[in-house]
Amino acid sequence: MKNIFTKSLGLVAAAALTFAPLTASADSAEPHGSFTGASNHVTTGGVKIVKTADGGALVILDTDFSLDGGPDPRVGFGTDGTFAESTDLGELQNLTGLQIYVVPASVNVDDFNEVYIWCKEFSVPLGVADLH
């Protein structure tokens, strides 16, 4: 368990270092958006997709991210109002604040135009951010 935690912490630290110079400008070409609530939930805050030097990508929920709660919240992608279950990046780490999720190589972020906070238990969105 310690090795998994150490590896995750290392990824977060590397992502934070990668993230800082890429988002210093508001005119960043990286996809970004702001959450709006769904299914009677309040979800707010920003999200950015950062492509890494190794060809991968990270989903970064900004420091202003907030979800009012919900069972089994997950992070993933969708297109035009439809969540893609195959893009599930894992459980939401916290209801508020900065969070970083590694996108697996099997997911091409360019294929999607939305980031979801998804309730797996009830198969409904808790929040959606349109990417631009």
N, C-alpha and C. Protein backbone atom coordinates (compact mmCIF):
# COMPACT_ATOMS: atom_id res chain seq x y z
N MET A 1 0.82 -1.19 0.00
CA MET A 1 0.00 0.00 0.00
C MET A 1 0.86 1.26 0.00
N LYS A 2 1.98 1.22 0.74
CA LYS A 2 2.86 2.37 0.80
C LYS A 2 3.42 2.71 -0.59
N ASN A 3 3.78 1.69 -1.37
CA ASN A 3 4.31 1.94 -2.71
C ASN A 3 3.28 2.60 -3.61
N ILE A 4 2.02 2.17 -3.51
CA ILE A 4 0.96 2.77 -4.31
C ILE A 4 0.79 4.23 -3.92
N PHE A 5 0.77 4.52 -2.61
CA PHE A 5 0.63 5.89 -2.14
C PHE A 5 1.79 6.74 -2.60
N THR A 6 3.01 6.22 -2.47
CA THR A 6 4.20 6.97 -2.87
C THR A 6 4.16 7.25 -4.37
N LYS A 7 3.78 6.24 -5.17
CA LYS A 7 3.70 6.43 -6.62
C LYS A 7 2.65 7.48 -6.96
N SER A 8 1.46 7.42 -6.32
CA SER A 8 0.40 8.39 -6.57
C SER A 8 0.84 9.78 -6.19
N LEU A 9 1.51 9.91 -5.05
CA LEU A 9 2.00 11.20 -4.60
C LEU A 9 3.01 11.75 -5.59
N GLY A 10 3.88 10.88 -6.13
CA GLY A 10 4.84 11.30 -7.13
C GLY A 10 4.17 11.79 -8.39
N LEU A 11 3.10 11.12 -8.83
CA LEU A 11 2.36 11.55 -10.01
C LEU A 11 1.72 12.91 -9.78
N VAL A 12 1.16 13.11 -8.58
CA VAL A 12 0.53 14.39 -8.27
C VAL A 12 1.58 15.50 -8.28
N ALA A 13 2.73 15.24 -7.68
CA ALA A 13 3.79 16.25 -7.66
C ALA A 13 4.27 16.56 -9.07
N ALA A 14 4.46 15.52 -9.88
CA ALA A 14 4.89 15.74 -11.26
C ALA A 14 3.84 16.50 -12.04
N ALA A 15 2.57 16.16 -11.81
CA ALA A 15 1.49 16.84 -12.50
C ALA A 15 1.43 18.30 -12.10
N ALA A 16 1.62 18.58 -10.82
CA ALA A 16 1.59 19.97 -10.37
C ALA A 16 2.71 20.78 -11.01
N LEU A 17 3.88 20.19 -11.13
CA LEU A 17 4.98 20.89 -11.78
C LEU A 17 4.70 21.09 -13.26
N THR A 18 4.10 20.09 -13.90
CA THR A 18 3.76 20.19 -15.31
C THR A 18 2.65 21.22 -15.51
N PHE A 19 1.70 21.24 -14.60
CA PHE A 19 0.52 22.08 -14.70
C PHE A 19 0.86 23.56 -14.62
N ALA A 20 1.72 23.94 -13.71
CA ALA A 20 1.98 25.35 -13.44
C ALA A 20 2.39 26.14 -14.67
N PRO A 21 3.41 25.73 -15.45
CA PRO A 21 3.79 26.56 -16.57
C PRO A 21 2.79 26.51 -17.72
N LEU A 22 2.01 25.45 -17.83
CA LEU A 22 1.07 25.34 -18.94
C LEU A 22 -0.17 26.19 -18.76
N THR A 23 -0.48 26.57 -17.53
CA THR A 23 -1.71 27.32 -17.29
C THR A 23 -1.45 28.74 -16.79
N ALA A 24 -0.25 29.21 -16.93
CA ALA A 24 0.07 30.55 -16.46
C ALA A 24 -0.70 31.61 -17.23
N SER A 25 -1.08 31.30 -18.46
CA SER A 25 -1.80 32.24 -19.30
C SER A 25 -3.26 31.85 -19.41
N ALA A 26 -4.14 32.83 -19.37
CA ALA A 26 -5.57 32.56 -19.55
C ALA A 26 -5.87 32.14 -20.98
N ASP A 27 -4.95 32.38 -21.91
CA ASP A 27 -5.15 32.04 -23.32
C ASP A 27 -4.62 30.65 -23.65
N SER A 28 -4.46 29.81 -22.66
CA SER A 28 -3.93 28.46 -22.86
C SER A 28 -4.73 27.71 -23.91
N ALA A 29 -4.03 26.96 -24.76
CA ALA A 29 -4.68 26.18 -25.80
C ALA A 29 -5.22 24.87 -25.26
N GLU A 30 -4.90 24.54 -24.02
CA GLU A 30 -5.38 23.30 -23.43
C GLU A 30 -6.89 23.40 -23.19
N PRO A 31 -7.62 22.31 -23.41
CA PRO A 31 -9.07 22.32 -23.16
C PRO A 31 -9.36 22.62 -21.69
N HIS A 32 -10.38 23.43 -21.47
CA HIS A 32 -10.77 23.80 -20.11
C HIS A 32 -12.26 24.14 -20.10
N GLY A 33 -12.82 24.21 -18.92
CA GLY A 33 -14.23 24.56 -18.78
C GLY A 33 -14.60 24.76 -17.33
N SER A 34 -15.89 25.00 -17.10
CA SER A 34 -16.42 25.19 -15.76
C SER A 34 -17.62 24.27 -15.56
N PHE A 35 -17.69 23.69 -14.37
CA PHE A 35 -18.77 22.76 -14.07
C PHE A 35 -20.08 23.48 -13.80
N THR A 36 -21.15 22.84 -14.22
CA THR A 36 -22.50 23.20 -13.81
C THR A 36 -23.12 21.95 -13.22
N GLY A 37 -23.98 22.15 -12.25
CA GLY A 37 -24.61 21.03 -11.58
C GLY A 37 -25.61 20.30 -12.47
N ALA A 38 -25.91 19.06 -12.10
CA ALA A 38 -26.88 18.26 -12.83
C ALA A 38 -27.59 17.34 -11.83
N SER A 39 -28.76 16.86 -12.21
CA SER A 39 -29.53 15.93 -11.38
C SER A 39 -29.75 16.47 -9.96
N ASN A 40 -30.10 17.75 -9.89
CA ASN A 40 -30.36 18.44 -8.62
C ASN A 40 -29.16 18.50 -7.69
N HIS A 41 -27.96 18.51 -8.26
CA HIS A 41 -26.73 18.67 -7.47
C HIS A 41 -26.05 19.97 -7.84
N VAL A 42 -25.31 20.52 -6.89
CA VAL A 42 -24.55 21.74 -7.11
C VAL A 42 -23.09 21.34 -7.33
N THR A 43 -22.61 21.61 -8.53
CA THR A 43 -21.22 21.34 -8.88
C THR A 43 -20.67 22.61 -9.53
N THR A 44 -19.56 23.11 -9.01
CA THR A 44 -18.98 24.35 -9.52
C THR A 44 -17.46 24.20 -9.61
N GLY A 45 -16.85 25.15 -10.29
CA GLY A 45 -15.40 25.21 -10.38
C GLY A 45 -14.88 24.85 -11.75
N GLY A 46 -13.61 25.06 -11.92
CA GLY A 46 -12.98 24.85 -13.21
C GLY A 46 -12.32 23.49 -13.35
N VAL A 47 -12.09 23.13 -14.61
CA VAL A 47 -11.38 21.89 -14.94
C VAL A 47 -10.51 22.17 -16.16
N LYS A 48 -9.34 21.55 -16.20
CA LYS A 48 -8.41 21.68 -17.32
C LYS A 48 -7.92 20.30 -17.73
N ILE A 49 -7.65 20.13 -19.00
CA ILE A 49 -7.02 18.93 -19.51
C ILE A 49 -5.62 19.33 -19.92
N VAL A 50 -4.62 18.68 -19.35
CA VAL A 50 -3.22 18.99 -19.64
C VAL A 50 -2.59 17.77 -20.27
N LYS A 51 -2.07 17.95 -21.47
CA LYS A 51 -1.36 16.86 -22.14
C LYS A 51 0.08 16.84 -21.64
N THR A 52 0.56 15.64 -21.34
CA THR A 52 1.90 15.49 -20.79
C THR A 52 2.91 15.21 -21.89
N ALA A 53 4.17 15.39 -21.58
CA ALA A 53 5.24 15.21 -22.56
C ALA A 53 5.31 13.79 -23.09
N ASP A 54 4.84 12.82 -22.32
CA ASP A 54 4.90 11.42 -22.76
C ASP A 54 3.70 11.00 -23.61
N GLY A 55 2.85 11.97 -24.00
CA GLY A 55 1.70 11.67 -24.84
C GLY A 55 0.44 11.37 -24.05
N GLY A 56 0.52 11.36 -22.74
CA GLY A 56 -0.65 11.12 -21.89
C GLY A 56 -1.38 12.42 -21.60
N ALA A 57 -2.28 12.35 -20.65
CA ALA A 57 -3.05 13.53 -20.28
C ALA A 57 -3.46 13.44 -18.81
N LEU A 58 -3.74 14.61 -18.25
CA LEU A 58 -4.23 14.73 -16.88
C LEU A 58 -5.52 15.54 -16.88
N VAL A 59 -6.44 15.17 -16.02
CA VAL A 59 -7.61 16.00 -15.75
C VAL A 59 -7.35 16.67 -14.42
N ILE A 60 -7.42 17.99 -14.41
CA ILE A 60 -7.13 18.74 -13.20
C ILE A 60 -8.37 19.55 -12.80
N LEU A 61 -8.93 19.19 -11.66
CA LEU A 61 -10.02 19.98 -11.09
C LEU A 61 -9.37 21.11 -10.32
N ASP A 62 -9.78 22.34 -10.62
CA ASP A 62 -9.15 23.51 -10.03
C ASP A 62 -9.44 23.65 -8.54
N THR A 63 -8.71 24.55 -7.89
CA THR A 63 -8.85 24.78 -6.45
C THR A 63 -10.27 25.22 -6.08
N ASP A 64 -11.01 25.80 -7.03
CA ASP A 64 -12.37 26.26 -6.75
C ASP A 64 -13.43 25.18 -6.99
N PHE A 65 -13.01 23.95 -7.28
CA PHE A 65 -13.97 22.88 -7.53
C PHE A 65 -14.76 22.55 -6.27
N SER A 66 -16.07 22.28 -6.45
CA SER A 66 -16.92 21.91 -5.33
C SER A 66 -18.10 21.07 -5.83
N LEU A 67 -18.42 20.01 -5.09
CA LEU A 67 -19.60 19.18 -5.32
C LEU A 67 -20.33 19.08 -3.99
N ASP A 68 -21.65 19.22 -4.02
CA ASP A 68 -22.43 19.17 -2.78
C ASP A 68 -22.60 17.77 -2.21
N GLY A 69 -22.16 16.76 -2.92
CA GLY A 69 -22.25 15.39 -2.43
C GLY A 69 -22.96 14.50 -3.43
N GLY A 70 -23.10 13.25 -3.07
CA GLY A 70 -23.75 12.28 -3.93
C GLY A 70 -23.06 10.94 -3.78
N PRO A 71 -23.80 9.87 -4.00
CA PRO A 71 -23.20 8.55 -3.85
C PRO A 71 -22.28 8.19 -5.02
N ASP A 72 -21.16 7.59 -4.71
CA ASP A 72 -20.24 7.04 -5.70
C ASP A 72 -19.88 7.99 -6.84
N PRO A 73 -19.42 9.23 -6.52
CA PRO A 73 -19.04 10.15 -7.59
C PRO A 73 -17.74 9.73 -8.27
N ARG A 74 -17.74 9.79 -9.58
CA ARG A 74 -16.59 9.40 -10.41
C ARG A 74 -16.26 10.56 -11.34
N VAL A 75 -15.08 10.51 -11.95
CA VAL A 75 -14.64 11.52 -12.92
C VAL A 75 -14.46 10.81 -14.25
N GLY A 76 -14.93 11.43 -15.32
CA GLY A 76 -14.77 10.84 -16.64
C GLY A 76 -15.14 11.82 -17.73
N PHE A 77 -15.20 11.32 -18.95
CA PHE A 77 -15.47 12.15 -20.13
C PHE A 77 -16.79 11.79 -20.78
N GLY A 78 -17.27 12.71 -21.61
CA GLY A 78 -18.46 12.46 -22.40
C GLY A 78 -18.46 13.35 -23.62
N THR A 79 -19.47 13.13 -24.45
CA THR A 79 -19.63 13.92 -25.67
C THR A 79 -21.09 14.29 -25.84
N ASP A 80 -21.35 15.57 -26.03
CA ASP A 80 -22.68 16.08 -26.36
C ASP A 80 -23.77 15.52 -25.46
N GLY A 81 -23.54 15.53 -24.15
CA GLY A 81 -24.56 15.13 -23.19
C GLY A 81 -24.60 13.65 -22.84
N THR A 82 -23.63 12.88 -23.33
CA THR A 82 -23.61 11.44 -23.05
C THR A 82 -22.29 11.06 -22.39
N PHE A 83 -22.38 10.51 -21.18
CA PHE A 83 -21.20 10.05 -20.46
C PHE A 83 -20.68 8.76 -21.09
N ALA A 84 -19.38 8.65 -21.25
CA ALA A 84 -18.74 7.44 -21.80
C ALA A 84 -18.16 6.64 -20.63
N GLU A 85 -18.83 5.55 -20.26
CA GLU A 85 -18.40 4.75 -19.11
C GLU A 85 -16.97 4.25 -19.24
N SER A 86 -16.51 4.04 -20.45
CA SER A 86 -15.14 3.53 -20.67
C SER A 86 -14.07 4.55 -20.28
N THR A 87 -14.48 5.78 -19.98
CA THR A 87 -13.52 6.83 -19.62
C THR A 87 -13.44 7.07 -18.12
N ASP A 88 -14.06 6.24 -17.32
CA ASP A 88 -14.08 6.40 -15.86
C ASP A 88 -12.64 6.48 -15.34
N LEU A 89 -12.29 7.62 -14.75
CA LEU A 89 -10.93 7.84 -14.23
C LEU A 89 -10.81 7.48 -12.76
N GLY A 90 -11.90 7.07 -12.15
CA GLY A 90 -11.86 6.68 -10.74
C GLY A 90 -12.74 7.55 -9.88
N GLU A 91 -12.74 7.21 -8.61
CA GLU A 91 -13.56 7.93 -7.63
C GLU A 91 -13.09 9.37 -7.47
N LEU A 92 -14.05 10.27 -7.25
CA LEU A 92 -13.74 11.64 -6.89
C LEU A 92 -12.96 11.60 -5.59
N GLN A 93 -11.80 12.25 -5.54
CA GLN A 93 -10.93 12.19 -4.37
C GLN A 93 -11.48 12.98 -3.19
N ASN A 94 -12.07 14.14 -3.48
CA ASN A 94 -12.61 15.03 -2.45
C ASN A 94 -13.79 15.80 -3.02
N LEU A 95 -14.65 16.29 -2.16
CA LEU A 95 -15.79 17.09 -2.62
C LEU A 95 -15.38 18.51 -3.00
N THR A 96 -14.20 18.94 -2.58
CA THR A 96 -13.74 20.29 -2.90
C THR A 96 -12.24 20.29 -3.20
N GLY A 97 -11.83 21.30 -3.93
CA GLY A 97 -10.41 21.58 -4.09
C GLY A 97 -9.70 20.91 -5.25
N LEU A 98 -8.41 21.22 -5.33
CA LEU A 98 -7.53 20.75 -6.39
C LEU A 98 -7.41 19.24 -6.38
N GLN A 99 -7.60 18.64 -7.56
CA GLN A 99 -7.49 17.20 -7.71
C GLN A 99 -6.94 16.90 -9.09
N ILE A 100 -6.14 15.84 -9.18
CA ILE A 100 -5.50 15.48 -10.45
C ILE A 100 -5.78 14.01 -10.74
N TYR A 101 -6.20 13.74 -11.97
CA TYR A 101 -6.52 12.38 -12.41
C TYR A 101 -5.71 12.06 -13.66
N VAL A 102 -5.06 10.92 -13.66
CA VAL A 102 -4.28 10.47 -14.81
C VAL A 102 -5.23 9.79 -15.79
N VAL A 103 -5.18 10.22 -17.04
CA VAL A 103 -6.00 9.62 -18.10
C VAL A 103 -5.24 8.43 -18.67
N PRO A 104 -5.87 7.25 -18.69
CA PRO A 104 -5.17 6.08 -19.24
C PRO A 104 -4.92 6.24 -20.74
N ALA A 105 -3.89 5.57 -21.22
CA ALA A 105 -3.52 5.66 -22.64
C ALA A 105 -4.65 5.21 -23.56
N SER A 106 -5.56 4.40 -23.08
CA SER A 106 -6.67 3.91 -23.90
C SER A 106 -7.73 4.98 -24.17
N VAL A 107 -7.63 6.13 -23.49
CA VAL A 107 -8.61 7.21 -23.66
C VAL A 107 -7.95 8.38 -24.40
N ASN A 108 -8.50 8.72 -25.56
CA ASN A 108 -8.02 9.87 -26.33
C ASN A 108 -8.87 11.08 -25.94
N VAL A 109 -8.29 12.01 -25.20
CA VAL A 109 -9.06 13.16 -24.70
C VAL A 109 -9.63 14.01 -25.82
N ASP A 110 -9.02 13.96 -27.00
CA ASP A 110 -9.51 14.75 -28.13
C ASP A 110 -10.85 14.23 -28.67
N ASP A 111 -11.26 13.04 -28.26
CA ASP A 111 -12.52 12.46 -28.71
C ASP A 111 -13.73 12.96 -27.91
N PHE A 112 -13.50 13.78 -26.87
CA PHE A 112 -14.57 14.18 -25.97
C PHE A 112 -14.62 15.70 -25.81
N ASN A 113 -15.83 16.21 -25.54
CA ASN A 113 -15.98 17.65 -25.35
C ASN A 113 -16.58 18.02 -23.99
N GLU A 114 -16.63 17.03 -23.07
CA GLU A 114 -17.15 17.29 -21.73
C GLU A 114 -16.40 16.47 -20.69
N VAL A 115 -16.29 17.04 -19.48
CA VAL A 115 -15.81 16.29 -18.32
C VAL A 115 -17.00 16.14 -17.38
N TYR A 116 -17.16 14.94 -16.86
CA TYR A 116 -18.30 14.62 -15.99
C TYR A 116 -17.85 14.31 -14.57
N ILE A 117 -18.69 14.70 -13.63
CA ILE A 117 -18.71 14.11 -12.31
C ILE A 117 -19.95 13.23 -12.37
N TRP A 118 -19.75 11.94 -12.31
CA TRP A 118 -20.78 10.96 -12.63
C TRP A 118 -21.11 10.11 -11.40
N CYS A 119 -22.39 9.91 -11.14
CA CYS A 119 -22.83 9.02 -10.07
C CYS A 119 -22.96 7.62 -10.66
N LYS A 120 -22.00 6.76 -10.34
CA LYS A 120 -22.01 5.41 -10.88
C LYS A 120 -23.19 4.60 -10.35
N GLU A 121 -23.51 4.80 -9.08
CA GLU A 121 -24.59 4.02 -8.46
C GLU A 121 -25.93 4.21 -9.17
N PHE A 122 -26.26 5.45 -9.54
CA PHE A 122 -27.55 5.73 -10.16
C PHE A 122 -27.46 6.08 -11.65
N SER A 123 -26.24 6.05 -12.20
CA SER A 123 -26.01 6.35 -13.62
C SER A 123 -26.60 7.69 -14.04
N VAL A 124 -26.25 8.74 -13.27
CA VAL A 124 -26.69 10.10 -13.59
C VAL A 124 -25.51 11.06 -13.41
N PRO A 125 -25.52 12.15 -14.15
CA PRO A 125 -24.47 13.16 -13.96
C PRO A 125 -24.74 13.96 -12.70
N LEU A 126 -23.67 14.30 -11.99
CA LEU A 126 -23.74 15.20 -10.84
C LEU A 126 -23.25 16.59 -11.23
N GLY A 127 -22.44 16.64 -12.28
CA GLY A 127 -21.93 17.89 -12.82
C GLY A 127 -21.28 17.63 -14.16
N VAL A 128 -21.36 18.66 -15.03
CA VAL A 128 -20.78 18.54 -16.37
C VAL A 128 -20.07 19.85 -16.69
N ALA A 129 -18.88 19.71 -17.29
CA ALA A 129 -18.13 20.89 -17.76
C ALA A 129 -17.91 20.75 -19.26
N ASP A 130 -18.42 21.70 -20.02
CA ASP A 130 -18.16 21.74 -21.46
C ASP A 130 -16.73 22.21 -21.67
N LEU A 131 -15.99 21.50 -22.50
CA LEU A 131 -14.61 21.86 -22.78
C LEU A 131 -14.54 22.76 -24.01
N HIS A 132 -13.67 23.75 -23.95
CA HIS A 132 -13.43 24.63 -25.11
C HIS A 132 -11.97 25.03 -25.14
